[in-house]
Amino acid sequence: MAQTPPPQKNVKPSAEGLAAAATAATKKGPPPVHLWNPAFCGDLDMEIRRDGTWFYLGTPIGRQPLVRLFASILKREGDSYFLVTPVEKVGIRVADVPFIAVDAEATGAGPTQTLTFTTNVGDTVTASADNPLRVTRDATGEPSPYVHIRRGLEARIDRKTFYRLIDIASHAPHQGEDWLGLWSAGTFFPIIPMTELP
C-alpha cells in the first residue's frame, strides 16, 4: 500500500525569493500589481524608514536596482503595505510613506502650470486631480508635503524641493478663504491660509 507523502512545510518568505519572482514577473514591462491577489504569506523583516531608506533584517539595502524592483511590486491595502508577486504576498513596515520626491520640474504658470515630480526610486508623476498634493502640519506647524504616485502610494516631498516650490506658490480662493498654494494640471493645491502667514 502506497504511503501518503508528508505535507510540505510552508516556505518562509524571503527577500531573495521575492526578488526572483518579481524579476520574472516584470520582464514584459511594469508589473500589474493591482491585478495580483495571492494569499498572504506572512510578514517580512523589511522596513522603509522615514528618509526613504529600505532595510532588510536591520541592514540597509544598498543595491538601488533591487530597491527599485521591490518598489515596483509594492501594494497598499488600507494602512498596510505589502510586496506582491503573482504567487506571494508579504507584509512590510513603512514608517511614513514609501517614497521620497527628490526633485520637481515646473512648466508654465498659474492654472496652466504643471509640476512633475521624480522620486528616489525613479518614478515620475505630474501632480493633478488624480495625483494630488497634500500638506499636513504637526503641532508645531511644521509642514509635511506629499504627492500621490500610484494606487494609494505617496511620496513625501523633500525639504529642498518643497522650498523651491514655495518660491513659485501663488494665492487663490479655497473653502472661502485666500490660501497660498500650488497650481498643477488645472488644480489648485492649498498649502496654508494667507491669514496664517507671518
N, C-alpha and C. Protein backbone atom coordinates (compact mmCIF):
# COMPACT_ATOMS: atom_id res chain seq x y z
N MET A 1 0.85 -1.19 0.00
CA MET A 1 0.00 0.00 0.00
C MET A 1 0.89 1.25 0.00
N ALA A 2 0.61 2.18 -0.92
CA ALA A 2 1.45 3.37 -1.04
C ALA A 2 1.26 4.28 0.17
N GLN A 3 2.37 4.80 0.63
CA GLN A 3 2.30 5.72 1.77
C GLN A 3 2.00 7.13 1.29
N THR A 4 1.24 7.86 2.12
CA THR A 4 0.95 9.26 1.80
C THR A 4 2.17 10.09 2.11
N PRO A 5 2.65 10.90 1.17
CA PRO A 5 3.83 11.72 1.46
C PRO A 5 3.53 12.74 2.54
N PRO A 6 4.51 13.06 3.36
CA PRO A 6 4.27 14.05 4.42
C PRO A 6 3.94 15.40 3.82
N PRO A 7 3.11 16.18 4.52
CA PRO A 7 2.77 17.51 3.99
C PRO A 7 4.01 18.38 3.91
N GLN A 8 4.06 19.22 2.87
CA GLN A 8 5.21 20.12 2.74
C GLN A 8 5.10 21.25 3.74
N LYS A 9 6.25 21.57 4.30
CA LYS A 9 6.27 22.70 5.23
C LYS A 9 6.18 24.00 4.44
N ASN A 10 5.53 24.96 5.08
CA ASN A 10 5.44 26.26 4.42
C ASN A 10 6.84 26.86 4.31
N VAL A 11 7.16 27.36 3.13
CA VAL A 11 8.44 28.01 2.94
C VAL A 11 8.32 29.45 3.41
N LYS A 12 9.24 29.84 4.29
CA LYS A 12 9.19 31.20 4.82
C LYS A 12 9.57 32.19 3.73
N PRO A 13 8.79 33.27 3.56
CA PRO A 13 9.11 34.22 2.50
C PRO A 13 10.48 34.87 2.74
N SER A 14 11.19 35.17 1.66
CA SER A 14 12.49 35.81 1.77
C SER A 14 12.59 36.90 0.72
N ALA A 15 13.47 37.86 0.97
CA ALA A 15 13.69 38.93 0.00
C ALA A 15 14.25 38.37 -1.29
N GLU A 16 15.10 37.37 -1.17
CA GLU A 16 15.71 36.79 -2.37
C GLU A 16 14.65 36.13 -3.25
N GLY A 17 13.75 35.35 -2.61
CA GLY A 17 12.69 34.69 -3.36
C GLY A 17 11.75 35.68 -4.02
N LEU A 18 11.42 36.75 -3.28
CA LEU A 18 10.55 37.78 -3.85
C LEU A 18 11.23 38.47 -5.03
N ALA A 19 12.53 38.76 -4.88
CA ALA A 19 13.26 39.43 -5.95
C ALA A 19 13.26 38.58 -7.22
N ALA A 20 13.48 37.27 -7.04
CA ALA A 20 13.49 36.38 -8.20
C ALA A 20 12.13 36.34 -8.87
N ALA A 21 11.07 36.23 -8.07
CA ALA A 21 9.71 36.17 -8.63
C ALA A 21 9.34 37.50 -9.29
N ALA A 22 9.76 38.61 -8.66
CA ALA A 22 9.44 39.93 -9.22
C ALA A 22 10.18 40.14 -10.53
N THR A 23 11.43 39.70 -10.59
CA THR A 23 12.20 39.84 -11.82
C THR A 23 11.53 39.08 -12.96
N ALA A 24 11.09 37.87 -12.67
CA ALA A 24 10.41 37.07 -13.70
C ALA A 24 9.11 37.73 -14.14
N ALA A 25 8.40 38.33 -13.18
CA ALA A 25 7.08 38.91 -13.48
C ALA A 25 7.18 40.24 -14.20
N THR A 26 8.34 40.91 -14.13
CA THR A 26 8.46 42.25 -14.72
C THR A 26 9.20 42.25 -16.05
N LYS A 27 9.47 41.09 -16.60
CA LYS A 27 10.22 41.04 -17.86
C LYS A 27 9.48 41.69 -19.02
N LYS A 28 8.17 41.72 -18.97
CA LYS A 28 7.38 42.26 -20.07
C LYS A 28 6.83 43.65 -19.78
N GLY A 29 7.47 44.37 -18.86
CA GLY A 29 7.02 45.72 -18.57
C GLY A 29 6.65 45.88 -17.10
N PRO A 30 6.07 47.03 -16.74
CA PRO A 30 5.69 47.28 -15.35
C PRO A 30 4.75 46.20 -14.82
N PRO A 31 4.99 45.73 -13.60
CA PRO A 31 4.15 44.65 -13.07
C PRO A 31 2.72 45.13 -12.80
N PRO A 32 1.73 44.34 -13.19
CA PRO A 32 0.32 44.72 -12.94
C PRO A 32 -0.09 44.35 -11.51
N VAL A 33 0.54 45.01 -10.55
CA VAL A 33 0.35 44.68 -9.14
C VAL A 33 -1.12 44.72 -8.74
N HIS A 34 -1.87 45.66 -9.32
CA HIS A 34 -3.28 45.82 -8.96
C HIS A 34 -4.12 44.60 -9.37
N LEU A 35 -3.58 43.77 -10.26
CA LEU A 35 -4.31 42.57 -10.69
C LEU A 35 -3.93 41.32 -9.89
N TRP A 36 -2.88 41.43 -9.08
CA TRP A 36 -2.41 40.27 -8.33
C TRP A 36 -3.04 40.22 -6.95
N ASN A 37 -3.64 39.09 -6.60
CA ASN A 37 -4.24 38.91 -5.28
C ASN A 37 -3.89 37.54 -4.71
N PRO A 38 -2.59 37.28 -4.51
CA PRO A 38 -2.21 35.98 -3.95
C PRO A 38 -2.53 35.91 -2.46
N ALA A 39 -2.44 34.71 -1.91
CA ALA A 39 -2.68 34.53 -0.48
C ALA A 39 -1.57 35.19 0.33
N PHE A 40 -1.92 35.69 1.52
CA PHE A 40 -0.94 36.31 2.42
C PHE A 40 0.00 35.24 2.96
N CYS A 41 1.31 35.51 2.84
CA CYS A 41 2.32 34.52 3.24
C CYS A 41 3.02 34.87 4.54
N GLY A 42 2.63 35.97 5.18
CA GLY A 42 3.29 36.37 6.42
C GLY A 42 4.05 37.67 6.25
N ASP A 43 4.66 38.12 7.33
CA ASP A 43 5.41 39.38 7.31
C ASP A 43 6.88 39.11 7.03
N LEU A 44 7.50 40.07 6.38
CA LEU A 44 8.93 40.02 6.08
C LEU A 44 9.60 41.10 6.93
N ASP A 45 10.80 40.81 7.43
CA ASP A 45 11.52 41.80 8.24
C ASP A 45 12.14 42.84 7.31
N MET A 46 11.26 43.63 6.70
CA MET A 46 11.69 44.70 5.80
C MET A 46 10.97 45.97 6.19
N GLU A 47 11.68 47.08 6.13
CA GLU A 47 11.11 48.36 6.56
C GLU A 47 11.58 49.47 5.64
N ILE A 48 10.68 50.40 5.35
CA ILE A 48 11.06 51.63 4.66
C ILE A 48 11.04 52.73 5.71
N ARG A 49 12.21 53.27 6.01
CA ARG A 49 12.32 54.32 7.01
C ARG A 49 11.78 55.65 6.49
N ARG A 50 11.65 56.61 7.38
CA ARG A 50 11.05 57.89 7.00
C ARG A 50 11.88 58.63 5.95
N ASP A 51 13.19 58.37 5.93
CA ASP A 51 14.04 59.03 4.94
C ASP A 51 14.04 58.31 3.59
N GLY A 52 13.22 57.25 3.45
CA GLY A 52 13.12 56.53 2.20
C GLY A 52 14.08 55.36 2.05
N THR A 53 14.94 55.12 3.08
CA THR A 53 15.88 54.01 3.01
C THR A 53 15.17 52.70 3.30
N TRP A 54 15.43 51.69 2.47
CA TRP A 54 14.87 50.35 2.64
C TRP A 54 15.83 49.50 3.47
N PHE A 55 15.30 48.83 4.49
CA PHE A 55 16.09 47.95 5.36
C PHE A 55 15.55 46.53 5.26
N TYR A 56 16.46 45.56 5.25
CA TYR A 56 16.09 44.14 5.30
C TYR A 56 16.91 43.48 6.40
N LEU A 57 16.23 42.84 7.34
CA LEU A 57 16.88 42.22 8.51
C LEU A 57 17.77 43.22 9.23
N GLY A 58 17.29 44.47 9.32
CA GLY A 58 18.01 45.51 10.06
C GLY A 58 19.16 46.15 9.34
N THR A 59 19.41 45.76 8.08
CA THR A 59 20.53 46.29 7.30
C THR A 59 20.01 47.05 6.09
N PRO A 60 20.57 48.22 5.79
CA PRO A 60 20.11 48.95 4.59
C PRO A 60 20.35 48.14 3.32
N ILE A 61 19.41 48.21 2.41
CA ILE A 61 19.58 47.56 1.10
C ILE A 61 20.35 48.55 0.23
N GLY A 62 21.60 48.21 -0.05
CA GLY A 62 22.48 49.15 -0.74
C GLY A 62 22.35 49.12 -2.26
N ARG A 63 21.76 48.10 -2.80
CA ARG A 63 21.68 47.98 -4.26
C ARG A 63 20.42 48.69 -4.76
N GLN A 64 20.60 49.83 -5.42
CA GLN A 64 19.46 50.61 -5.88
C GLN A 64 18.57 49.86 -6.87
N PRO A 65 19.14 49.05 -7.80
CA PRO A 65 18.24 48.28 -8.69
C PRO A 65 17.33 47.33 -7.93
N LEU A 66 17.81 46.78 -6.81
CA LEU A 66 16.97 45.88 -6.01
C LEU A 66 15.87 46.67 -5.31
N VAL A 67 16.21 47.85 -4.79
CA VAL A 67 15.21 48.71 -4.16
C VAL A 67 14.12 49.08 -5.17
N ARG A 68 14.54 49.42 -6.38
CA ARG A 68 13.56 49.78 -7.42
C ARG A 68 12.68 48.60 -7.79
N LEU A 69 13.26 47.42 -7.80
CA LEU A 69 12.48 46.22 -8.09
C LEU A 69 11.42 46.00 -7.02
N PHE A 70 11.82 46.09 -5.75
CA PHE A 70 10.85 45.93 -4.66
C PHE A 70 9.79 47.03 -4.72
N ALA A 71 10.21 48.26 -5.01
CA ALA A 71 9.25 49.38 -5.09
C ALA A 71 8.20 49.12 -6.17
N SER A 72 8.60 48.43 -7.24
CA SER A 72 7.67 48.18 -8.34
C SER A 72 6.59 47.17 -7.99
N ILE A 73 6.81 46.37 -6.94
CA ILE A 73 5.80 45.37 -6.55
C ILE A 73 5.16 45.71 -5.20
N LEU A 74 5.27 46.98 -4.81
CA LEU A 74 4.68 47.44 -3.55
C LEU A 74 3.19 47.71 -3.75
N LYS A 75 2.41 47.30 -2.77
CA LYS A 75 0.96 47.47 -2.84
C LYS A 75 0.46 47.94 -1.48
N ARG A 76 -0.50 48.85 -1.49
CA ARG A 76 -1.10 49.34 -0.25
C ARG A 76 -2.54 48.88 -0.15
N GLU A 77 -2.90 48.36 1.02
CA GLU A 77 -4.28 48.00 1.31
C GLU A 77 -4.63 48.61 2.65
N GLY A 78 -5.49 49.62 2.64
CA GLY A 78 -5.78 50.34 3.87
C GLY A 78 -4.53 51.06 4.33
N ASP A 79 -4.14 50.82 5.59
CA ASP A 79 -2.92 51.42 6.12
C ASP A 79 -1.75 50.44 6.10
N SER A 80 -1.92 49.30 5.44
CA SER A 80 -0.88 48.27 5.41
C SER A 80 -0.21 48.21 4.04
N TYR A 81 1.05 47.79 4.06
CA TYR A 81 1.84 47.71 2.83
C TYR A 81 2.33 46.28 2.63
N PHE A 82 2.34 45.86 1.36
CA PHE A 82 2.74 44.50 1.02
C PHE A 82 3.63 44.52 -0.23
N LEU A 83 4.51 43.54 -0.32
CA LEU A 83 5.18 43.23 -1.56
C LEU A 83 4.45 42.04 -2.15
N VAL A 84 4.06 42.14 -3.42
CA VAL A 84 3.27 41.08 -4.02
C VAL A 84 3.88 40.63 -5.35
N THR A 85 3.75 39.35 -5.59
CA THR A 85 4.06 38.74 -6.89
C THR A 85 2.80 37.97 -7.27
N PRO A 86 2.77 37.33 -8.42
CA PRO A 86 1.58 36.55 -8.76
C PRO A 86 1.26 35.45 -7.76
N VAL A 87 2.26 35.00 -6.97
CA VAL A 87 2.03 33.86 -6.07
C VAL A 87 2.29 34.15 -4.60
N GLU A 88 2.84 35.34 -4.27
CA GLU A 88 3.17 35.65 -2.88
C GLU A 88 2.69 37.05 -2.50
N LYS A 89 2.39 37.20 -1.21
CA LYS A 89 2.04 38.50 -0.65
C LYS A 89 2.60 38.55 0.76
N VAL A 90 3.54 39.46 0.98
CA VAL A 90 4.16 39.55 2.31
C VAL A 90 4.05 40.98 2.82
N GLY A 91 3.86 41.10 4.13
CA GLY A 91 3.74 42.41 4.75
C GLY A 91 5.10 43.01 5.06
N ILE A 92 5.23 44.34 4.88
CA ILE A 92 6.43 45.05 5.29
C ILE A 92 6.00 46.28 6.08
N ARG A 93 6.96 46.90 6.76
CA ARG A 93 6.68 48.09 7.57
C ARG A 93 7.10 49.35 6.82
N VAL A 94 6.26 50.37 6.90
CA VAL A 94 6.56 51.66 6.29
C VAL A 94 6.38 52.72 7.37
N ALA A 95 7.47 53.45 7.67
CA ALA A 95 7.43 54.40 8.78
C ALA A 95 6.50 55.58 8.50
N ASP A 96 6.50 56.08 7.28
CA ASP A 96 5.65 57.22 6.94
C ASP A 96 4.94 56.91 5.62
N VAL A 97 5.60 57.22 4.52
CA VAL A 97 5.14 56.83 3.19
C VAL A 97 6.33 56.17 2.49
N PRO A 98 6.09 55.37 1.44
CA PRO A 98 7.19 54.58 0.91
C PRO A 98 8.23 55.32 0.09
N PHE A 99 7.88 56.48 -0.47
CA PHE A 99 8.80 57.13 -1.40
C PHE A 99 9.12 58.56 -0.95
N ILE A 100 10.21 59.09 -1.51
CA ILE A 100 10.60 60.48 -1.31
C ILE A 100 10.66 61.14 -2.67
N ALA A 101 9.98 62.29 -2.81
CA ALA A 101 10.09 63.09 -4.04
C ALA A 101 11.34 63.95 -3.89
N VAL A 102 12.34 63.67 -4.72
CA VAL A 102 13.65 64.31 -4.57
C VAL A 102 13.86 65.47 -5.56
N ASP A 103 12.91 65.66 -6.47
CA ASP A 103 13.04 66.77 -7.42
C ASP A 103 11.67 67.07 -8.01
N ALA A 104 11.52 68.27 -8.52
CA ALA A 104 10.28 68.68 -9.19
C ALA A 104 10.63 69.65 -10.30
N GLU A 105 9.92 69.52 -11.40
CA GLU A 105 10.10 70.44 -12.53
C GLU A 105 8.79 71.15 -12.79
N ALA A 106 8.84 72.47 -12.83
CA ALA A 106 7.65 73.28 -13.09
C ALA A 106 7.71 73.82 -14.50
N THR A 107 6.61 73.70 -15.22
CA THR A 107 6.49 74.31 -16.54
C THR A 107 5.20 75.12 -16.57
N GLY A 108 5.23 76.24 -17.30
CA GLY A 108 4.05 77.08 -17.36
C GLY A 108 3.90 77.92 -16.10
N ALA A 109 2.73 78.55 -15.97
CA ALA A 109 2.46 79.40 -14.82
C ALA A 109 0.96 79.44 -14.55
N GLY A 110 0.62 79.76 -13.29
CA GLY A 110 -0.78 79.87 -12.92
C GLY A 110 -1.53 78.56 -13.13
N PRO A 111 -2.82 78.62 -13.48
CA PRO A 111 -3.62 77.40 -13.64
C PRO A 111 -3.11 76.45 -14.73
N THR A 112 -2.29 76.96 -15.67
CA THR A 112 -1.76 76.09 -16.72
C THR A 112 -0.42 75.46 -16.33
N GLN A 113 0.06 75.78 -15.15
CA GLN A 113 1.34 75.22 -14.69
C GLN A 113 1.23 73.71 -14.45
N THR A 114 2.31 72.99 -14.69
CA THR A 114 2.39 71.58 -14.31
C THR A 114 3.62 71.37 -13.45
N LEU A 115 3.48 70.53 -12.44
CA LEU A 115 4.58 70.16 -11.55
C LEU A 115 4.82 68.67 -11.70
N THR A 116 6.00 68.30 -12.18
CA THR A 116 6.34 66.90 -12.38
C THR A 116 7.41 66.50 -11.39
N PHE A 117 7.11 65.48 -10.61
CA PHE A 117 7.99 65.04 -9.53
C PHE A 117 8.75 63.77 -9.91
N THR A 118 9.97 63.66 -9.40
CA THR A 118 10.79 62.45 -9.54
C THR A 118 11.07 61.91 -8.15
N THR A 119 10.90 60.60 -7.96
CA THR A 119 11.10 60.01 -6.64
C THR A 119 12.47 59.35 -6.52
N ASN A 120 12.79 58.95 -5.32
CA ASN A 120 14.06 58.29 -5.04
C ASN A 120 14.16 56.90 -5.66
N VAL A 121 13.04 56.36 -6.17
CA VAL A 121 13.10 55.05 -6.82
C VAL A 121 12.83 55.17 -8.33
N GLY A 122 12.90 56.40 -8.84
CA GLY A 122 12.83 56.59 -10.29
C GLY A 122 11.46 56.80 -10.88
N ASP A 123 10.42 56.87 -10.07
CA ASP A 123 9.08 57.17 -10.60
C ASP A 123 9.00 58.65 -10.96
N THR A 124 8.22 58.97 -11.98
CA THR A 124 7.88 60.36 -12.27
C THR A 124 6.37 60.48 -12.35
N VAL A 125 5.85 61.59 -11.83
CA VAL A 125 4.41 61.80 -11.85
C VAL A 125 4.13 63.30 -11.87
N THR A 126 3.10 63.69 -12.60
CA THR A 126 2.67 65.08 -12.62
C THR A 126 1.51 65.25 -11.66
N ALA A 127 1.63 66.19 -10.75
CA ALA A 127 0.55 66.46 -9.80
C ALA A 127 -0.70 66.87 -10.56
N SER A 128 -1.84 66.30 -10.16
CA SER A 128 -3.09 66.55 -10.86
C SER A 128 -4.23 66.14 -9.93
N ALA A 129 -5.44 66.23 -10.43
CA ALA A 129 -6.58 65.77 -9.63
C ALA A 129 -6.46 64.28 -9.31
N ASP A 130 -5.84 63.52 -10.21
CA ASP A 130 -5.65 62.08 -9.97
C ASP A 130 -4.44 61.78 -9.10
N ASN A 131 -3.47 62.68 -9.10
CA ASN A 131 -2.26 62.53 -8.29
C ASN A 131 -2.06 63.79 -7.46
N PRO A 132 -2.90 63.95 -6.42
CA PRO A 132 -2.93 65.22 -5.71
C PRO A 132 -1.72 65.45 -4.79
N LEU A 133 -1.50 66.73 -4.51
CA LEU A 133 -0.57 67.16 -3.47
C LEU A 133 -1.37 67.37 -2.20
N ARG A 134 -0.76 67.08 -1.07
CA ARG A 134 -1.38 67.43 0.21
C ARG A 134 -0.29 67.83 1.18
N VAL A 135 -0.65 68.69 2.13
CA VAL A 135 0.31 69.15 3.13
C VAL A 135 -0.33 68.97 4.50
N THR A 136 0.36 68.25 5.38
CA THR A 136 -0.07 68.14 6.77
C THR A 136 0.89 68.97 7.63
N ARG A 137 0.40 69.38 8.79
CA ARG A 137 1.27 70.13 9.70
C ARG A 137 1.18 69.52 11.09
N ASP A 138 2.34 69.41 11.74
CA ASP A 138 2.34 68.86 13.09
C ASP A 138 1.96 69.93 14.10
N ALA A 139 2.05 69.59 15.39
CA ALA A 139 1.60 70.51 16.44
C ALA A 139 2.40 71.81 16.45
N THR A 140 3.64 71.77 15.94
CA THR A 140 4.47 72.98 15.92
C THR A 140 4.26 73.80 14.66
N GLY A 141 3.44 73.27 13.74
CA GLY A 141 3.19 73.97 12.48
C GLY A 141 4.13 73.55 11.36
N GLU A 142 5.05 72.63 11.64
CA GLU A 142 5.99 72.16 10.62
C GLU A 142 5.25 71.39 9.54
N PRO A 143 5.40 71.81 8.26
CA PRO A 143 4.66 71.14 7.19
C PRO A 143 5.32 69.85 6.72
N SER A 144 4.50 68.89 6.32
CA SER A 144 4.96 67.68 5.66
C SER A 144 4.17 67.56 4.35
N PRO A 145 4.81 67.84 3.22
CA PRO A 145 4.11 67.80 1.93
C PRO A 145 4.24 66.44 1.26
N TYR A 146 3.18 66.00 0.60
CA TYR A 146 3.15 64.69 -0.06
C TYR A 146 2.55 64.82 -1.45
N VAL A 147 2.92 63.89 -2.33
CA VAL A 147 2.30 63.79 -3.64
C VAL A 147 1.97 62.32 -3.90
N HIS A 148 0.77 62.11 -4.46
CA HIS A 148 0.34 60.74 -4.77
C HIS A 148 1.10 60.25 -6.00
N ILE A 149 1.61 59.02 -5.93
CA ILE A 149 2.39 58.46 -7.03
C ILE A 149 1.57 57.46 -7.84
N ARG A 150 1.04 56.43 -7.18
CA ARG A 150 0.22 55.44 -7.90
C ARG A 150 -0.53 54.58 -6.89
N ARG A 151 -1.78 54.29 -7.17
CA ARG A 151 -2.60 53.34 -6.42
C ARG A 151 -2.44 53.46 -4.90
N GLY A 152 -2.60 54.65 -4.37
CA GLY A 152 -2.56 54.85 -2.93
C GLY A 152 -1.17 55.01 -2.35
N LEU A 153 -0.13 54.92 -3.16
CA LEU A 153 1.25 55.08 -2.69
C LEU A 153 1.67 56.53 -2.87
N GLU A 154 2.24 57.11 -1.81
CA GLU A 154 2.62 58.51 -1.84
C GLU A 154 4.13 58.67 -1.65
N ALA A 155 4.59 59.86 -2.03
CA ALA A 155 5.97 60.27 -1.76
C ALA A 155 5.93 61.53 -0.92
N ARG A 156 6.80 61.60 0.09
CA ARG A 156 6.96 62.85 0.83
C ARG A 156 7.94 63.73 0.04
N ILE A 157 7.57 64.98 -0.16
CA ILE A 157 8.42 65.91 -0.92
C ILE A 157 9.54 66.38 -0.01
N ASP A 158 10.80 66.18 -0.44
CA ASP A 158 11.91 66.54 0.44
C ASP A 158 11.99 68.06 0.62
N ARG A 159 12.74 68.45 1.64
CA ARG A 159 12.74 69.85 2.07
C ARG A 159 13.22 70.80 0.97
N LYS A 160 14.33 70.46 0.32
CA LYS A 160 14.88 71.36 -0.70
C LYS A 160 13.89 71.57 -1.84
N THR A 161 13.20 70.48 -2.23
CA THR A 161 12.23 70.58 -3.33
C THR A 161 11.02 71.41 -2.89
N PHE A 162 10.57 71.20 -1.66
CA PHE A 162 9.41 71.94 -1.17
C PHE A 162 9.72 73.43 -1.09
N TYR A 163 10.93 73.79 -0.64
CA TYR A 163 11.29 75.21 -0.56
C TYR A 163 11.31 75.84 -1.96
N ARG A 164 11.77 75.09 -2.96
CA ARG A 164 11.75 75.60 -4.34
C ARG A 164 10.31 75.81 -4.80
N LEU A 165 9.42 74.91 -4.41
CA LEU A 165 8.02 75.05 -4.80
C LEU A 165 7.36 76.24 -4.12
N ILE A 166 7.72 76.48 -2.86
CA ILE A 166 7.15 77.63 -2.14
C ILE A 166 7.49 78.93 -2.87
N ASP A 167 8.67 78.97 -3.48
CA ASP A 167 9.09 80.18 -4.20
C ASP A 167 8.18 80.49 -5.39
N ILE A 168 7.52 79.46 -5.94
CA ILE A 168 6.63 79.71 -7.09
C ILE A 168 5.16 79.58 -6.71
N ALA A 169 4.88 79.47 -5.42
CA ALA A 169 3.48 79.34 -4.96
C ALA A 169 2.73 80.65 -5.20
N SER A 170 1.43 80.54 -5.34
CA SER A 170 0.58 81.71 -5.53
C SER A 170 -0.63 81.58 -4.64
N HIS A 171 -1.43 82.64 -4.56
CA HIS A 171 -2.62 82.54 -3.71
C HIS A 171 -3.88 82.48 -4.55
N ALA A 172 -4.86 81.76 -4.01
CA ALA A 172 -6.13 81.56 -4.70
C ALA A 172 -7.20 81.24 -3.66
N PRO A 173 -8.48 81.44 -3.99
CA PRO A 173 -9.55 81.11 -3.05
C PRO A 173 -9.63 79.60 -2.82
N HIS A 174 -9.88 79.22 -1.57
CA HIS A 174 -10.08 77.81 -1.24
C HIS A 174 -10.95 77.74 0.01
N GLN A 175 -12.11 77.10 -0.11
CA GLN A 175 -13.05 76.95 1.01
C GLN A 175 -13.36 78.28 1.69
N GLY A 176 -13.58 79.29 0.86
CA GLY A 176 -14.00 80.59 1.38
C GLY A 176 -12.88 81.45 1.94
N GLU A 177 -11.64 81.00 1.81
CA GLU A 177 -10.50 81.78 2.29
C GLU A 177 -9.47 81.92 1.18
N ASP A 178 -8.55 82.86 1.39
CA ASP A 178 -7.43 83.03 0.47
C ASP A 178 -6.28 82.17 0.96
N TRP A 179 -5.79 81.27 0.11
CA TRP A 179 -4.72 80.34 0.51
C TRP A 179 -3.50 80.52 -0.38
N LEU A 180 -2.34 80.26 0.21
CA LEU A 180 -1.13 80.09 -0.57
C LEU A 180 -1.07 78.63 -1.00
N GLY A 181 -0.81 78.40 -2.29
CA GLY A 181 -0.79 77.02 -2.76
C GLY A 181 -0.09 76.90 -4.09
N LEU A 182 -0.25 75.75 -4.70
CA LEU A 182 0.43 75.44 -5.95
C LEU A 182 -0.58 74.97 -7.00
N TRP A 183 -0.42 75.47 -8.21
CA TRP A 183 -1.21 75.00 -9.34
C TRP A 183 -0.47 73.89 -10.06
N SER A 184 -1.20 72.87 -10.50
CA SER A 184 -0.64 71.87 -11.38
C SER A 184 -1.77 71.19 -12.14
N ALA A 185 -1.63 71.15 -13.45
CA ALA A 185 -2.61 70.49 -14.33
C ALA A 185 -4.04 70.97 -14.07
N GLY A 186 -4.18 72.27 -13.84
CA GLY A 186 -5.51 72.86 -13.69
C GLY A 186 -6.12 72.73 -12.31
N THR A 187 -5.39 72.17 -11.35
CA THR A 187 -5.91 72.01 -9.98
C THR A 187 -5.06 72.84 -9.03
N PHE A 188 -5.74 73.53 -8.09
CA PHE A 188 -5.04 74.31 -7.06
C PHE A 188 -4.91 73.45 -5.80
N PHE A 189 -3.69 73.33 -5.31
CA PHE A 189 -3.43 72.55 -4.11
C PHE A 189 -3.04 73.49 -2.98
N PRO A 190 -3.92 73.65 -1.98
CA PRO A 190 -3.66 74.61 -0.91
C PRO A 190 -2.54 74.14 0.03
N ILE A 191 -1.76 75.11 0.51
CA ILE A 191 -0.69 74.80 1.47
C ILE A 191 -0.99 75.40 2.84
N ILE A 192 -1.30 76.71 2.86
CA ILE A 192 -1.55 77.38 4.15
C ILE A 192 -2.43 78.60 3.91
N PRO A 193 -3.38 78.89 4.81
CA PRO A 193 -4.18 80.11 4.65
C PRO A 193 -3.29 81.35 4.70
N MET A 194 -3.59 82.33 3.87
CA MET A 194 -2.79 83.55 3.84
C MET A 194 -2.81 84.25 5.19
N THR A 195 -3.92 84.09 5.94
CA THR A 195 -4.02 84.75 7.25
C THR A 195 -3.04 84.17 8.27
N GLU A 196 -2.51 82.96 7.99
CA GLU A 196 -1.57 82.35 8.93
C GLU A 196 -0.11 82.60 8.58
N LEU A 197 0.10 83.29 7.47
CA LEU A 197 1.48 83.62 7.09
C LEU A 197 2.00 84.76 7.95
N PRO A 198 3.30 84.73 8.27
CA PRO A 198 3.85 85.84 9.09
C PRO A 198 3.86 87.14 8.32
